[in-house]
Amino acid sequence: MRIAILGNGAWGKGLAFIAERAGHDVGIWSRRAAQPMLIKSAEAFILAVPAQDAHGVLQNLDLEGKPLISAAKGIEKTSGKFLHQLARAVAPKSEFYALSGPSFSADVVQGLPTAVTLAGPTLEKASHWAKLLSIPTFRIYATDDVAGVEIGGAMKNVLAIACGISDGLKLGDSARASLTTRGFAELSRFGRKLGAKPETLMGLSGLGDLLLTCSSQKSRNYSFGRALGQGQSVAEALGQAKGVVEGAYTAGIAAKLARQHHVEMPIVDAVTAIVDHGSKPGDEVKKLLARPLGTEFKKE
């Protein structure tokens, strides 16, 4: 099959590596080196650009109703839309799939074992594409929960920033574990409110990806947070990042959506206060620790 990878960053190249080894004819498209014939001849597309750039890319390409697999993780800041909502607006004839899970491109291209989730319009269609793109070292599990996969991929970036901040402040392993766990509680509340299946949030694209990005310096979001905790400004931390820090753009809109849906997300609010409003990390930690005690699990 002829597959066009939209985006030539690290993840785009990693996915091209996977698709080629799965036996497909692969071409990489970028805005700097647009290839009209590649777009015309492609039978399917894999979107691997930053979430904030996705609308512009899709709006300017004619996908002709061909399948679109999104590997972007985020929420569009200006509209509050997830990628499947953007795709529905600008490429309504294309079947949309969301690929997400605990995966670093460097591990993928080294052939290290990785497992992710692919969500599609039906379980049968998602399973079809999962089989087409899986190789022995890159296992793809299928689901029909597009919203759940996208929510997990977007929110884990914001929570990874929080854990990075904690480590930058040298608050210890116990604090990071607590943040990860309570962060997952926030992710779960938010996901359920927006229609995600609980089992999806507990899976690779939710808890699995959260565990990876909240503890590894390979994660741009964690590293960005760690730099903030060590005293760098947002501009300085973004300037030294090796690529786009998706969580920095997702935090504010995620906090806004949470308020609209009456979902309590204090960790996300704290990250938003630091990244968007200049609050000091230490002050936000004090606010979190001063919150009233309560039961761990709340009935909704």
Protein backbone atom coordinates (compact mmCIF):
# COMPACT_ATOMS: atom_id res chain seq x y z
CA MET A 1 0.00 0.00 0.00
CA ARG A 2 1.15 3.55 -0.74
CA ILE A 3 1.17 5.52 2.54
CA ALA A 4 2.01 9.21 2.93
CA ILE A 5 3.43 10.35 6.27
CA LEU A 6 2.38 13.96 6.90
CA GLY A 7 5.29 15.39 8.89
CA ASN A 8 9.02 14.73 8.83
CA GLY A 9 9.81 15.13 12.54
CA ALA A 10 11.15 12.37 14.75
CA TRP A 11 7.78 10.65 15.13
CA GLY A 12 6.98 10.96 11.44
CA LYS A 13 10.26 9.28 10.58
CA GLY A 14 9.65 6.64 13.23
CA LEU A 15 6.25 5.80 11.77
CA ALA A 16 7.72 5.74 8.28
CA PHE A 17 10.24 3.18 9.58
CA ILE A 18 7.37 1.04 10.92
CA ALA A 19 5.24 1.30 7.78
CA GLU A 20 8.17 0.38 5.52
CA ARG A 21 8.98 -2.69 7.59
CA ALA A 22 5.33 -3.67 7.49
CA GLY A 23 5.77 -3.91 3.73
CA HIS A 24 4.28 -0.65 2.51
CA ASP A 25 5.50 1.93 0.00
CA VAL A 26 6.09 5.02 2.12
CA GLY A 27 6.72 8.68 1.33
CA ILE A 28 7.23 11.57 3.77
CA TRP A 29 5.52 14.91 3.13
CA SER A 30 6.49 18.19 4.78
CA ARG A 31 5.45 21.78 4.27
CA ARG A 32 8.98 22.70 3.23
CA ALA A 33 9.12 19.92 0.68
CA ALA A 34 5.54 19.43 -0.43
CA GLN A 35 5.10 16.58 -2.87
CA PRO A 36 1.83 16.88 -4.82
CA MET A 37 2.32 13.52 -6.55
CA LEU A 38 2.83 11.77 -3.20
CA ILE A 39 -0.46 13.19 -1.90
CA LYS A 40 -2.23 12.25 -5.13
CA SER A 41 -0.91 8.69 -5.24
CA ALA A 42 -1.26 7.87 -1.52
CA GLU A 43 -3.89 5.33 -0.51
CA ALA A 44 -3.78 6.37 3.16
CA PHE A 45 -2.26 9.10 5.30
CA ILE A 46 -0.55 9.14 8.70
CA LEU A 47 -0.69 12.56 10.38
CA ALA A 48 2.48 13.17 12.40
CA VAL A 49 2.58 16.95 12.86
CA PRO A 50 2.12 18.88 16.12
CA ALA A 51 -1.52 19.09 17.18
CA GLN A 52 -1.51 22.89 16.82
CA ASP A 53 -0.48 22.57 13.16
CA ALA A 54 -2.90 19.80 12.21
CA HIS A 55 -5.78 22.03 11.08
CA GLY A 56 -3.59 24.04 8.70
CA VAL A 57 -2.05 20.92 7.19
CA LEU A 58 -5.34 19.11 6.67
CA GLN A 59 -7.09 22.20 5.37
CA ASN A 60 -4.52 22.63 2.60
CA LEU A 61 -4.35 19.00 1.45
CA ASP A 62 -6.96 17.14 -0.55
CA LEU A 63 -7.14 13.70 1.06
CA GLU A 64 -9.89 12.65 -1.39
CA GLY A 65 -11.70 10.70 1.29
CA LYS A 66 -8.77 8.35 1.95
CA PRO A 67 -8.13 6.95 5.47
CA LEU A 68 -6.38 9.30 7.91
CA ILE A 69 -4.44 7.90 10.87
CA SER A 70 -3.53 10.59 13.39
CA ALA A 71 -0.45 10.21 15.59
CA ALA A 72 -0.75 13.75 16.97
CA LYS A 73 -1.41 14.16 20.70
CA GLY A 74 -3.11 17.32 21.84
CA ILE A 75 -6.09 19.67 21.74
CA GLU A 76 -6.21 22.61 19.36
CA LYS A 77 -5.73 25.62 21.60
CA THR A 78 -7.82 28.10 19.63
CA SER A 79 -10.91 25.93 19.14
CA GLY A 80 -10.76 23.36 21.95
CA LYS A 81 -11.15 20.57 19.39
CA PHE A 82 -9.53 17.17 19.45
CA LEU A 83 -7.98 15.85 16.25
CA HIS A 84 -10.97 13.71 15.28
CA GLN A 85 -13.16 16.79 15.53
CA LEU A 86 -10.79 18.81 13.36
CA ALA A 87 -10.64 16.03 10.78
CA ARG A 88 -14.42 15.79 10.68
CA ALA A 89 -14.56 19.51 9.85
CA VAL A 90 -11.83 19.71 7.18
CA ALA A 91 -11.70 16.16 5.80
CA PRO A 92 -15.23 14.81 6.42
CA LYS A 93 -15.00 12.06 3.80
CA SER A 94 -11.89 10.45 5.31
CA GLU A 95 -12.22 7.70 7.90
CA PHE A 96 -10.35 8.84 11.00
CA TYR A 97 -8.10 6.70 13.18
CA ALA A 98 -6.11 7.67 16.28
CA LEU A 99 -2.77 6.04 17.09
CA SER A 100 -1.37 6.56 20.59
CA GLY A 101 0.46 4.81 23.40
CA PRO A 102 3.75 4.62 25.31
CA SER A 103 6.29 5.06 22.54
CA PHE A 104 9.44 7.05 21.88
CA SER A 105 10.57 7.32 18.26
CA ALA A 106 14.16 6.53 19.25
CA ASP A 107 13.06 3.21 20.74
CA VAL A 108 10.91 2.41 17.72
CA VAL A 109 13.65 2.90 15.12
CA GLN A 110 16.05 0.82 17.23
CA GLY A 111 13.62 -2.05 17.02
CA LEU A 112 12.92 -2.08 20.75
CA PRO A 113 9.59 -3.70 21.76
CA THR A 114 6.71 -1.20 21.77
CA ALA A 115 2.94 -1.55 22.08
CA VAL A 116 0.35 1.10 21.18
CA THR A 117 -3.38 1.45 20.54
CA LEU A 118 -5.18 2.26 17.29
CA ALA A 119 -8.75 3.54 17.49
CA GLY A 120 -11.10 3.58 14.52
CA PRO A 121 -14.76 4.05 13.59
CA THR A 122 -15.41 0.36 14.25
CA LEU A 123 -13.43 -2.36 15.99
CA GLU A 124 -13.29 -4.33 12.74
CA LYS A 125 -11.78 -1.44 10.79
CA ALA A 126 -9.33 -0.59 13.56
CA SER A 127 -8.23 -4.24 13.70
CA HIS A 128 -7.71 -4.24 9.92
CA TRP A 129 -5.32 -1.28 10.07
CA ALA A 130 -3.63 -2.56 13.22
CA LYS A 131 -2.70 -5.73 11.34
CA LEU A 132 -1.53 -3.77 8.30
CA LEU A 133 0.86 -1.62 10.35
CA SER A 134 2.09 -4.01 13.06
CA ILE A 135 5.51 -5.64 13.01
CA PRO A 136 7.00 -8.02 15.62
CA THR A 137 8.56 -5.18 17.64
CA PHE A 138 5.67 -2.73 17.21
CA ARG A 139 2.40 -4.27 18.38
CA ILE A 140 -0.82 -2.39 17.72
CA TYR A 141 -3.97 -3.17 19.72
CA ALA A 142 -7.32 -2.14 18.27
CA THR A 143 -10.26 -0.28 19.79
CA ASP A 144 -13.28 1.69 18.61
CA ASP A 145 -12.87 4.33 21.34
CA VAL A 146 -11.42 7.25 19.37
CA ALA A 147 -12.26 9.82 22.05
CA GLY A 148 -10.61 7.78 24.80
CA VAL A 149 -7.38 7.28 22.87
CA GLU A 150 -7.15 10.97 21.99
CA ILE A 151 -7.93 12.16 25.52
CA GLY A 152 -5.25 9.93 27.02
CA GLY A 153 -2.66 11.10 24.49
CA ALA A 154 -3.42 14.77 25.07
CA MET A 155 -3.72 14.82 28.85
CA LYS A 156 -0.65 12.74 29.65
CA ASN A 157 1.52 15.52 28.19
CA VAL A 158 0.18 18.07 30.66
CA LEU A 159 0.60 15.69 33.59
CA ALA A 160 4.16 14.86 32.48
CA ILE A 161 4.99 18.57 32.83
CA ALA A 162 3.72 18.44 36.43
CA CYS A 163 5.94 15.45 37.22
CA GLY A 164 8.91 17.13 35.59
CA ILE A 165 8.34 20.22 37.72
CA SER A 166 8.24 18.03 40.82
CA ASP A 167 11.57 16.42 39.95
CA GLY A 168 13.07 19.80 39.06
CA LEU A 169 12.13 20.99 42.54
CA LYS A 170 13.68 17.78 43.96
CA LEU A 171 10.48 16.79 45.73
CA GLY A 172 11.38 13.11 45.53
CA ASP A 173 10.15 9.86 44.02
CA SER A 174 7.17 9.65 46.36
CA ALA A 175 5.90 13.03 45.19
CA ARG A 176 6.24 12.01 41.54
CA ALA A 177 4.35 8.79 42.16
CA SER A 178 1.59 10.70 43.94
CA LEU A 179 1.35 13.24 41.11
CA THR A 180 1.20 10.49 38.50
CA THR A 181 -1.56 8.67 40.37
CA ARG A 182 -3.63 11.72 41.17
CA GLY A 183 -3.01 12.97 37.65
CA PHE A 184 -4.44 9.75 36.31
CA ALA A 185 -7.51 10.31 38.49
CA GLU A 186 -7.95 13.71 36.81
CA LEU A 187 -7.43 12.22 33.36
CA SER A 188 -10.03 9.54 34.13
CA ARG A 189 -12.64 12.02 35.39
CA PHE A 190 -12.11 14.21 32.35
CA GLY A 191 -12.21 11.27 29.96
CA ARG A 192 -15.39 9.79 31.37
CA LYS A 193 -17.12 13.18 31.17
CA LEU A 194 -16.19 13.47 27.49
CA GLY A 195 -17.36 9.97 26.62
CA ALA A 196 -14.20 7.86 26.89
CA LYS A 197 -14.44 4.24 27.95
CA PRO A 198 -12.82 3.54 31.37
CA GLU A 199 -10.96 0.51 29.99
CA THR A 200 -9.35 2.69 27.30
CA LEU A 201 -8.06 5.11 29.91
CA MET A 202 -6.63 2.18 31.88
CA GLY A 203 -4.87 0.89 28.75
CA LEU A 204 -1.82 1.70 26.66
CA SER A 205 -3.05 5.05 25.35
CA GLY A 206 -4.02 6.25 28.84
CA LEU A 207 -2.24 4.88 31.89
CA GLY A 208 0.52 3.28 29.82
CA ASP A 209 1.52 6.48 28.06
CA LEU A 210 1.19 8.45 31.30
CA LEU A 211 3.62 6.16 33.14
CA LEU A 212 6.18 6.54 30.37
CA THR A 213 6.07 10.29 29.93
CA CYS A 214 5.90 11.11 33.64
CA SER A 215 9.21 9.45 34.42
CA SER A 216 11.55 9.69 31.43
CA GLN A 217 13.88 12.48 30.36
CA LYS A 218 13.28 11.30 26.78
CA SER A 219 9.88 12.96 27.16
CA ARG A 220 9.94 16.56 25.95
CA ASN A 221 7.05 17.41 28.27
CA TYR A 222 8.72 15.93 31.35
CA SER A 223 12.04 17.62 30.47
CA PHE A 224 10.27 20.95 29.94
CA GLY A 225 8.63 20.66 33.36
CA ARG A 226 11.92 19.69 34.97
CA ALA A 227 13.55 22.82 33.55
CA LEU A 228 10.72 24.93 35.01
CA GLY A 229 11.20 23.30 38.38
CA GLN A 230 14.91 24.08 38.22
CA GLY A 231 14.14 27.78 37.83
CA GLN A 232 14.06 28.38 34.10
CA SER A 233 11.38 30.61 32.61
CA VAL A 234 8.78 29.17 30.24
CA ALA A 235 10.52 30.85 27.30
CA GLU A 236 13.92 29.46 28.32
CA ALA A 237 12.57 25.95 28.84
CA LEU A 238 10.74 25.99 25.50
CA GLY A 239 13.84 27.36 23.80
CA GLN A 240 15.99 24.44 24.87
CA ALA A 241 13.36 21.79 24.11
CA LYS A 242 14.24 19.33 21.36
CA GLY A 243 10.97 19.63 19.49
CA VAL A 244 7.43 20.77 20.23
CA VAL A 245 6.26 20.54 23.85
CA GLU A 246 2.62 19.62 23.21
CA GLY A 247 1.58 19.83 26.86
CA ALA A 248 2.53 23.50 27.07
CA TYR A 249 -0.16 24.28 24.49
CA THR A 250 -2.70 21.75 25.74
CA ALA A 251 -2.73 22.71 29.44
CA GLY A 252 -4.73 25.92 29.18
CA ILE A 253 -7.40 24.62 26.83
CA ALA A 254 -7.69 21.38 28.83
CA ALA A 255 -8.27 23.42 32.00
CA LYS A 256 -10.90 25.49 30.18
CA LEU A 257 -12.71 22.38 28.90
CA ALA A 258 -12.59 20.88 32.40
CA ARG A 259 -14.32 23.96 33.83
CA GLN A 260 -16.95 23.86 31.08
CA HIS A 261 -17.70 20.23 31.89
CA HIS A 262 -17.49 20.74 35.67
CA VAL A 263 -14.52 18.42 36.11
CA GLU A 264 -12.11 19.09 38.97
CA MET A 265 -8.49 19.03 37.71
CA PRO A 266 -6.24 20.82 40.23
CA ILE A 267 -2.96 19.47 38.80
CA VAL A 268 -3.85 20.62 35.31
CA ASP A 269 -4.89 23.98 36.76
CA ALA A 270 -1.50 24.26 38.49
CA VAL A 271 0.41 23.54 35.27
CA THR A 272 -1.74 26.12 33.45
CA ALA A 273 -1.02 28.72 36.12
CA ILE A 274 2.73 28.16 35.73
CA VAL A 275 2.89 27.91 31.94
CA ASP A 276 0.27 30.47 30.92
CA HIS A 277 0.14 32.91 33.83
CA GLY A 278 3.67 33.04 35.23
CA SER A 279 2.94 31.51 38.62
CA LYS A 280 5.94 30.11 40.48
CA PRO A 281 6.17 26.31 40.66
CA GLY A 282 6.78 26.37 44.42
CA ASP A 283 3.65 28.43 45.00
CA GLU A 284 1.52 26.00 43.01
CA VAL A 285 2.92 23.07 44.97
CA LYS A 286 1.92 24.80 48.22
CA LYS A 287 -1.61 25.31 46.88
CA LEU A 288 -1.93 21.65 45.97
CA LEU A 289 -0.68 20.54 49.39
CA ALA A 290 -3.09 22.94 51.11
CA ARG A 291 -6.17 21.47 49.41
CA PRO A 292 -8.76 20.00 51.81
CA LEU A 293 -8.43 16.30 52.54
CA GLY A 294 -11.09 14.00 51.16
CA THR A 295 -11.85 10.46 50.08
CA GLU A 296 -9.60 9.01 47.39
CA PHE A 297 -12.45 7.85 45.16
CA LYS A 298 -15.49 9.99 44.50
CA LYS A 299 -18.84 8.80 43.20
CA GLU A 300 -19.89 10.66 40.08
